[in-house]
Amino acid sequence: MWESVLAALITGVLTLIGVLVSNGRAQAVTETKLEELTREVREHNGFARRMPVVEEQIKVMNHRISDLEKERRNG
């Protein structure tokens, strides 16, 4: 009888250790993925901040080109 209880306790402890190790590894993978996503979001946010500036510069360039084309036709 005691042998069965001892075997059950040993099995339970080993199972608990296995679960803790497995969860630790899963947590490490999750943290790595989260860090990568954070990096990508920061990169995207930087791009999103620069786009309106680029769009405005393109608009100005298009107006300058239009003005130069008009001068060429009229000149």
PDB file of N, CA and C in Angstrom:
ATOM      1  N   MET A   1       0.824  -1.190   0.000  1.00  0.00           N
ATOM      2  CA  MET A   1       0.000   0.000   0.000  1.00  0.00           C
ATOM      3  C   MET A   1       0.866   1.251   0.000  1.00  0.00           C
ATOM      4  N   TRP A   2       1.883   1.288   0.889  1.00  0.00           N
ATOM      5  CA  TRP A   2       2.754   2.453   0.943  1.00  0.00           C
ATOM      6  C   TRP A   2       3.535   2.609  -0.346  1.00  0.00           C
ATOM      7  N   GLU A   3       3.811   1.502  -0.961  1.00  0.00           N
ATOM      8  CA  GLU A   3       4.551   1.557  -2.223  1.00  0.00           C
ATOM      9  C   GLU A   3       3.733   2.274  -3.292  1.00  0.00           C
ATOM     10  N   SER A   4       2.433   2.020  -3.305  1.00  0.00           N
ATOM     11  CA  SER A   4       1.555   2.669  -4.281  1.00  0.00           C
ATOM     12  C   SER A   4       1.473   4.162  -4.019  1.00  0.00           C
ATOM     13  N   VAL A   5       1.370   4.534  -2.762  1.00  0.00           N
ATOM     14  CA  VAL A   5       1.305   5.950  -2.403  1.00  0.00           C
ATOM     15  C   VAL A   5       2.617   6.634  -2.770  1.00  0.00           C
ATOM     16  N   LEU A   6       3.742   6.006  -2.448  1.00  0.00           N
ATOM     17  CA  LEU A   6       5.054   6.556  -2.771  1.00  0.00           C
ATOM     18  C   LEU A   6       5.222   6.707  -4.287  1.00  0.00           C
ATOM     19  N   ALA A   7       4.802   5.701  -5.034  1.00  0.00           N
ATOM     20  CA  ALA A   7       4.885   5.758  -6.495  1.00  0.00           C
ATOM     21  C   ALA A   7       4.018   6.894  -7.037  1.00  0.00           C
ATOM     22  N   ALA A   8       2.830   7.069  -6.472  1.00  0.00           N
ATOM     23  CA  ALA A   8       1.933   8.143  -6.906  1.00  0.00           C
ATOM     24  C   ALA A   8       2.547   9.507  -6.588  1.00  0.00           C
ATOM     25  N   LEU A   9       3.149   9.647  -5.403  1.00  0.00           N
ATOM     26  CA  LEU A   9       3.785  10.907  -5.035  1.00  0.00           C
ATOM     27  C   LEU A   9       4.964  11.226  -5.949  1.00  0.00           C
ATOM     28  N   ILE A  10       5.795  10.233  -6.221  1.00  0.00           N
ATOM     29  CA  ILE A  10       6.943  10.448  -7.108  1.00  0.00           C
ATOM     30  C   ILE A  10       6.462  10.831  -8.503  1.00  0.00           C
ATOM     31  N   THR A  11       5.453  10.133  -8.993  1.00  0.00           N
ATOM     32  CA  THR A  11       4.897  10.446 -10.313  1.00  0.00           C
ATOM     33  C   THR A  11       4.331  11.861 -10.336  1.00  0.00           C
ATOM     34  N   GLY A  12       3.622  12.225  -9.279  1.00  0.00           N
ATOM     35  CA  GLY A  12       3.049  13.573  -9.204  1.00  0.00           C
ATOM     36  C   GLY A  12       4.112  14.644  -9.193  1.00  0.00           C
ATOM     37  N   VAL A  13       5.183  14.442  -8.412  1.00  0.00           N
ATOM     38  CA  VAL A  13       6.265  15.422  -8.340  1.00  0.00           C
ATOM     39  C   VAL A  13       6.960  15.540  -9.692  1.00  0.00           C
ATOM     40  N   LEU A  14       7.242  14.410 -10.333  1.00  0.00           N
ATOM     41  CA  LEU A  14       7.892  14.455 -11.643  1.00  0.00           C
ATOM     42  C   LEU A  14       7.004  15.133 -12.682  1.00  0.00           C
ATOM     43  N   THR A  15       5.721  14.882 -12.624  1.00  0.00           N
ATOM     44  CA  THR A  15       4.780  15.528 -13.545  1.00  0.00           C
ATOM     45  C   THR A  15       4.771  17.037 -13.315  1.00  0.00           C
ATOM     46  N   LEU A  16       4.751  17.441 -12.058  1.00  0.00           N
ATOM     47  CA  LEU A  16       4.771  18.872 -11.724  1.00  0.00           C
ATOM     48  C   LEU A  16       6.049  19.533 -12.240  1.00  0.00           C
ATOM     49  N   ILE A  17       7.177  18.879 -12.055  1.00  0.00           N
ATOM     50  CA  ILE A  17       8.443  19.420 -12.561  1.00  0.00           C
ATOM     51  C   ILE A  17       8.396  19.549 -14.079  1.00  0.00           C
ATOM     52  N   GLY A  18       7.859  18.539 -14.748  1.00  0.00           N
ATOM     53  CA  GLY A  18       7.746  18.594 -16.212  1.00  0.00           C
ATOM     54  C   GLY A  18       6.866  19.733 -16.676  1.00  0.00           C
ATOM     55  N   VAL A  19       5.765  19.941 -15.990  1.00  0.00           N
ATOM     56  CA  VAL A  19       4.843  21.028 -16.349  1.00  0.00           C
ATOM     57  C   VAL A  19       5.516  22.378 -16.130  1.00  0.00           C
ATOM     58  N   LEU A  20       6.226  22.540 -15.017  1.00  0.00           N
ATOM     59  CA  LEU A  20       6.906  23.807 -14.744  1.00  0.00           C
ATOM     60  C   LEU A  20       7.984  24.111 -15.779  1.00  0.00           C
ATOM     61  N   VAL A  21       8.756  23.107 -16.155  1.00  0.00           N
ATOM     62  CA  VAL A  21       9.792  23.304 -17.184  1.00  0.00           C
ATOM     63  C   VAL A  21       9.148  23.666 -18.512  1.00  0.00           C
ATOM     64  N   SER A  22       8.103  22.957 -18.872  1.00  0.00           N
ATOM     65  CA  SER A  22       7.417  23.211 -20.140  1.00  0.00           C
ATOM     66  C   SER A  22       6.822  24.623 -20.168  1.00  0.00           C
ATOM     67  N   ASN A  23       6.208  25.038 -19.081  1.00  0.00           N
ATOM     68  CA  ASN A  23       5.630  26.385 -19.018  1.00  0.00           C
ATOM     69  C   ASN A  23       6.706  27.455 -19.088  1.00  0.00           C
ATOM     70  N   GLY A  24       7.848  27.195 -18.475  1.00  0.00           N
ATOM     71  CA  GLY A  24       8.953  28.156 -18.545  1.00  0.00           C
ATOM     72  C   GLY A  24       9.433  28.348 -19.970  1.00  0.00           C
ATOM     73  N   ARG A  25       9.545  27.259 -20.701  1.00  0.00           N
ATOM     74  CA  ARG A  25       9.968  27.359 -22.105  1.00  0.00           C
ATOM     75  C   ARG A  25       8.920  28.063 -22.945  1.00  0.00           C
ATOM     76  N   ALA A  26       7.657  27.735 -22.701  1.00  0.00           N
ATOM     77  CA  ALA A  26       6.580  28.387 -23.454  1.00  0.00           C
ATOM     78  C   ALA A  26       6.562  29.886 -23.163  1.00  0.00           C
ATOM     79  N   GLN A  27       6.808  30.256 -21.918  1.00  0.00           N
ATOM     80  CA  GLN A  27       6.847  31.667 -21.544  1.00  0.00           C
ATOM     81  C   GLN A  27       8.002  32.374 -22.260  1.00  0.00           C
ATOM     82  N   ALA A  28       9.144  31.714 -22.372  1.00  0.00           N
ATOM     83  CA  ALA A  28      10.288  32.310 -23.063  1.00  0.00           C
ATOM     84  C   ALA A  28       9.972  32.534 -24.538  1.00  0.00           C
ATOM     85  N   VAL A  29       9.313  31.581 -25.157  1.00  0.00           N
ATOM     86  CA  VAL A  29       8.930  31.726 -26.568  1.00  0.00           C
ATOM     87  C   VAL A  29       7.940  32.875 -26.725  1.00  0.00           C
ATOM     88  N   THR A  30       6.976  32.958 -25.825  1.00  0.00           N
ATOM     89  CA  THR A  30       5.986  34.027 -25.882  1.00  0.00           C
ATOM     90  C   THR A  30       6.651  35.394 -25.727  1.00  0.00           C
ATOM     91  N   GLU A  31       7.588  35.509 -24.808  1.00  0.00           N
ATOM     92  CA  GLU A  31       8.282  36.778 -24.610  1.00  0.00           C
ATOM     93  C   GLU A  31       9.102  37.159 -25.840  1.00  0.00           C
ATOM     94  N   THR A  32       9.736  36.183 -26.473  1.00  0.00           N
ATOM     95  CA  THR A  32      10.506  36.454 -27.680  1.00  0.00           C
ATOM     96  C   THR A  32       9.597  36.949 -28.800  1.00  0.00           C
ATOM     97  N   LYS A  33       8.466  36.297 -28.969  1.00  0.00           N
ATOM     98  CA  LYS A  33       7.516  36.729 -30.003  1.00  0.00           C
ATOM     99  C   LYS A  33       6.973  38.120 -29.703  1.00  0.00           C
ATOM    100  N   LEU A  34       6.703  38.394 -28.442  1.00  0.00           N
ATOM    101  CA  LEU A  34       6.196  39.703 -28.050  1.00  0.00           C
ATOM    102  C   LEU A  34       7.231  40.793 -28.323  1.00  0.00           C
ATOM    103  N   GLU A  35       8.489  40.519 -28.037  1.00  0.00           N
ATOM    104  CA  GLU A  35       9.553  41.482 -28.326  1.00  0.00           C
ATOM    105  C   GLU A  35       9.649  41.753 -29.828  1.00  0.00           C
ATOM    106  N   GLU A  36       9.525  40.710 -30.637  1.00  0.00           N
ATOM    107  CA  GLU A  36       9.589  40.876 -32.088  1.00  0.00           C
ATOM    108  C   GLU A  36       8.402  41.703 -32.595  1.00  0.00           C
ATOM    109  N   LEU A  37       7.225  41.424 -32.081  1.00  0.00           N
ATOM    110  CA  LEU A  37       6.048  42.207 -32.482  1.00  0.00           C
ATOM    111  C   LEU A  37       6.178  43.664 -32.057  1.00  0.00           C
ATOM    112  N   THR A  38       6.715  43.889 -30.873  1.00  0.00           N
ATOM    113  CA  THR A  38       6.926  45.259 -30.399  1.00  0.00           C
ATOM    114  C   THR A  38       7.879  45.995 -31.323  1.00  0.00           C
ATOM    115  N   ARG A  39       8.948  45.334 -31.742  1.00  0.00           N
ATOM    116  CA  ARG A  39       9.909  45.947 -32.662  1.00  0.00           C
ATOM    117  C   ARG A  39       9.236  46.298 -33.985  1.00  0.00           C
ATOM    118  N   GLU A  40       8.416  45.372 -34.494  1.00  0.00           N
ATOM    119  CA  GLU A  40       7.737  45.617 -35.766  1.00  0.00           C
ATOM    120  C   GLU A  40       6.737  46.761 -35.656  1.00  0.00           C
ATOM    121  N   VAL A  41       6.038  46.850 -34.541  1.00  0.00           N
ATOM    122  CA  VAL A  41       5.076  47.941 -34.351  1.00  0.00           C
ATOM    123  C   VAL A  41       5.801  49.274 -34.285  1.00  0.00           C
ATOM    124  N   ARG A  42       6.924  49.320 -33.581  1.00  0.00           N
ATOM    125  CA  ARG A  42       7.693  50.570 -33.516  1.00  0.00           C
ATOM    126  C   ARG A  42       8.182  50.975 -34.900  1.00  0.00           C
ATOM    127  N   GLU A  43       8.639  49.999 -35.664  1.00  0.00           N
ATOM    128  CA  GLU A  43       9.105  50.280 -37.028  1.00  0.00           C
ATOM    129  C   GLU A  43       7.954  50.825 -37.872  1.00  0.00           C
ATOM    130  N   HIS A  44       6.798  50.211 -37.749  1.00  0.00           N
ATOM    131  CA  HIS A  44       5.624  50.662 -38.508  1.00  0.00           C
ATOM    132  C   HIS A  44       5.211  52.064 -38.089  1.00  0.00           C
ATOM    133  N   ASN A  45       5.227  52.338 -36.790  1.00  0.00           N
ATOM    134  CA  ASN A  45       4.839  53.659 -36.312  1.00  0.00           C
ATOM    135  C   ASN A  45       5.771  54.729 -36.840  1.00  0.00           C
ATOM    136  N   GLY A  46       7.056  54.425 -36.899  1.00  0.00           N
ATOM    137  CA  GLY A  46       8.004  55.382 -37.464  1.00  0.00           C
ATOM    138  C   GLY A  46       7.702  55.648 -38.929  1.00  0.00           C
ATOM    139  N   PHE A  47       7.376  54.594 -39.659  1.00  0.00           N
ATOM    140  CA  PHE A  47       7.017  54.730 -41.068  1.00  0.00           C
ATOM    141  C   PHE A  47       5.740  55.550 -41.200  1.00  0.00           C
ATOM    142  N   ALA A  48       4.755  55.281 -40.354  1.00  0.00           N
ATOM    143  CA  ALA A  48       3.472  55.992 -40.420  1.00  0.00           C
ATOM    144  C   ALA A  48       3.653  57.473 -40.110  1.00  0.00           C
ATOM    145  N   ARG A  49       4.594  57.826 -39.259  1.00  0.00           N
ATOM    146  CA  ARG A  49       4.850  59.240 -38.954  1.00  0.00           C
ATOM    147  C   ARG A  49       5.519  59.951 -40.121  1.00  0.00           C
ATOM    148  N   ARG A  50       6.350  59.222 -40.865  1.00  0.00           N
ATOM    149  CA  ARG A  50       7.073  59.849 -41.979  1.00  0.00           C
ATOM    150  C   ARG A  50       6.217  59.989 -43.234  1.00  0.00           C
ATOM    151  N   MET A  51       5.225  59.152 -43.415  1.00  0.00           N
ATOM    152  CA  MET A  51       4.440  59.163 -44.657  1.00  0.00           C
ATOM    153  C   MET A  51       3.749  60.492 -44.932  1.00  0.00           C
ATOM    154  N   PRO A  52       3.082  61.140 -43.978  1.00  0.00           N
ATOM    155  CA  PRO A  52       2.463  62.433 -44.303  1.00  0.00           C
ATOM    156  C   PRO A  52       3.481  63.464 -44.778  1.00  0.00           C
ATOM    157  N   VAL A  53       4.688  63.424 -44.243  1.00  0.00           N
ATOM    158  CA  VAL A  53       5.741  64.351 -44.675  1.00  0.00           C
ATOM    159  C   VAL A  53       6.104  64.065 -46.126  1.00  0.00           C
ATOM    160  N   VAL A  54       6.267  62.800 -46.452  1.00  0.00           N
ATOM    161  CA  VAL A  54       6.605  62.416 -47.827  1.00  0.00           C
ATOM    162  C   VAL A  54       5.473  62.791 -48.776  1.00  0.00           C
ATOM    163  N   GLU A  55       4.236  62.564 -48.365  1.00  0.00           N
ATOM    164  CA  GLU A  55       3.095  62.916 -49.216  1.00  0.00           C
ATOM    165  C   GLU A  55       3.062  64.418 -49.483  1.00  0.00           C
ATOM    166  N   GLU A  56       3.340  65.219 -48.459  1.00  0.00           N
ATOM    167  CA  GLU A  56       3.349  66.669 -48.639  1.00  0.00           C
ATOM    168  C   GLU A  56       4.477  67.082 -49.583  1.00  0.00           C
ATOM    169  N   GLN A  57       5.634  66.458 -49.445  1.00  0.00           N
ATOM    170  CA  GLN A  57       6.754  66.771 -50.333  1.00  0.00           C
ATOM    171  C   GLN A  57       6.424  66.401 -51.774  1.00  0.00           C
ATOM    172  N   ILE A  58       5.748  65.292 -51.982  1.00  0.00           N
ATOM    173  CA  ILE A  58       5.352  64.888 -53.334  1.00  0.00           C
ATOM    174  C   ILE A  58       4.362  65.893 -53.915  1.00  0.00           C
ATOM    175  N   LYS A  59       3.440  66.352 -53.082  1.00  0.00           N
ATOM    176  CA  LYS A  59       2.470  67.340 -53.538  1.00  0.00           C
ATOM    177  C   LYS A  59       3.182  68.614 -53.990  1.00  0.00           C
ATOM    178  N   VAL A  60       4.153  69.061 -53.213  1.00  0.00           N
ATOM    179  CA  VAL A  60       4.912  70.271 -53.565  1.00  0.00           C
ATOM    180  C   VAL A  60       5.675  70.044 -54.869  1.00  0.00           C
ATOM    181  N   MET A  61       6.315  68.882 -55.004  1.00  0.00           N
ATOM    182  CA  MET A  61       7.059  68.580 -56.230  1.00  0.00           C
ATOM    183  C   MET A  61       6.131  68.568 -57.446  1.00  0.00           C
ATOM    184  N   ASN A  62       4.951  67.999 -57.294  1.00  0.00           N
ATOM    185  CA  ASN A  62       4.004  67.966 -58.411  1.00  0.00           C
ATOM    186  C   ASN A  62       3.595  69.375 -58.820  1.00  0.00           C
ATOM    187  N   HIS A  63       3.381  70.262 -57.855  1.00  0.00           N
ATOM    188  CA  HIS A  63       3.039  71.650 -58.182  1.00  0.00           C
ATOM    189  C   HIS A  63       4.204  72.339 -58.899  1.00  0.00           C
ATOM    190  N   ARG A  64       5.408  72.082 -58.434  1.00  0.00           N
ATOM    191  CA  ARG A  64       6.578  72.702 -59.079  1.00  0.00           C
ATOM    192  C   ARG A  64       6.736  72.204 -60.515  1.00  0.00           C
ATOM    193  N   ILE A  65       6.506  70.906 -60.722  1.00  0.00           N
ATOM    194  CA  ILE A  65       6.594  70.345 -62.079  1.00  0.00           C
ATOM    195  C   ILE A  65       5.527  70.966 -62.964  1.00  0.00           C
ATOM    196  N   SER A  66       4.317  71.084 -62.427  1.00  0.00           N
ATOM    197  CA  SER A  66       3.234  71.704 -63.206  1.00  0.00           C
ATOM    198  C   SER A  66       3.590  73.139 -63.578  1.00  0.00           C
ATOM    199  N   ASP A  67       4.134  73.872 -62.619  1.00  0.00           N
ATOM    200  CA  ASP A  67       4.530  75.262 -62.904  1.00  0.00           C
ATOM    201  C   ASP A  67       5.621  75.320 -63.972  1.00  0.00           C
ATOM    202  N   LEU A  68       6.596  74.417 -63.900  1.00  0.00           N
ATOM    203  CA  LEU A  68       7.666  74.397 -64.898  1.00  0.00           C
ATOM    204  C   LEU A  68       7.124  74.035 -66.280  1.00  0.00           C
ATOM    205  N   GLU A  69       6.174  73.098 -66.332  1.00  0.00           N
ATOM    206  CA  GLU A  69       5.582  72.725 -67.619  1.00  0.00           C
ATOM    207  C   GLU A  69       4.813  73.889 -68.222  1.00  0.00           C
ATOM    208  N   LYS A  70       4.098  74.639 -67.367  1.00  0.00           N
ATOM    209  CA  LYS A  70       3.352  75.813 -67.863  1.00  0.00           C
ATOM    210  C   LYS A  70       4.320  76.871 -68.394  1.00  0.00           C
ATOM    211  N   GLU A  71       5.424  77.109 -67.658  1.00  0.00           N
ATOM    212  CA  GLU A  71       6.416  78.086 -68.111  1.00  0.00           C
ATOM    213  C   GLU A  71       7.008  77.678 -69.450  1.00  0.00           C
ATOM    214  N   ARG A  72       7.269  76.396 -69.608  1.00  0.00           N
ATOM    215  CA  ARG A  72       7.868  75.901 -70.851  1.00  0.00           C
ATOM    216  C   ARG A  72       6.908  76.104 -72.013  1.00  0.00           C
ATOM    217  N   ARG A  73       5.622  75.805 -71.787  1.00  0.00           N
ATOM    218  CA  ARG A  73       4.631  75.981 -72.855  1.00  0.00           C
ATOM    219  C   ARG A  73       4.434  77.452 -73.202  1.00  0.00           C
ATOM    220  N   ASN A  74       4.480  78.299 -72.187  1.00  0.00           N
ATOM    221  CA  ASN A  74       4.224  79.727 -72.396  1.00  0.00           C
ATOM    222  C   ASN A  74       5.502  80.482 -72.774  1.00  0.00           C
ATOM    223  N   GLY A  75       6.626  79.916 -72.475  1.00  0.00           N
ATOM    224  CA  GLY A  75       7.878  80.646 -72.628  1.00  0.00           C
ATOM    225  C   GLY A  75       8.472  80.543 -73.953  1.00  0.00           C
TER     226      GLY A  75
END
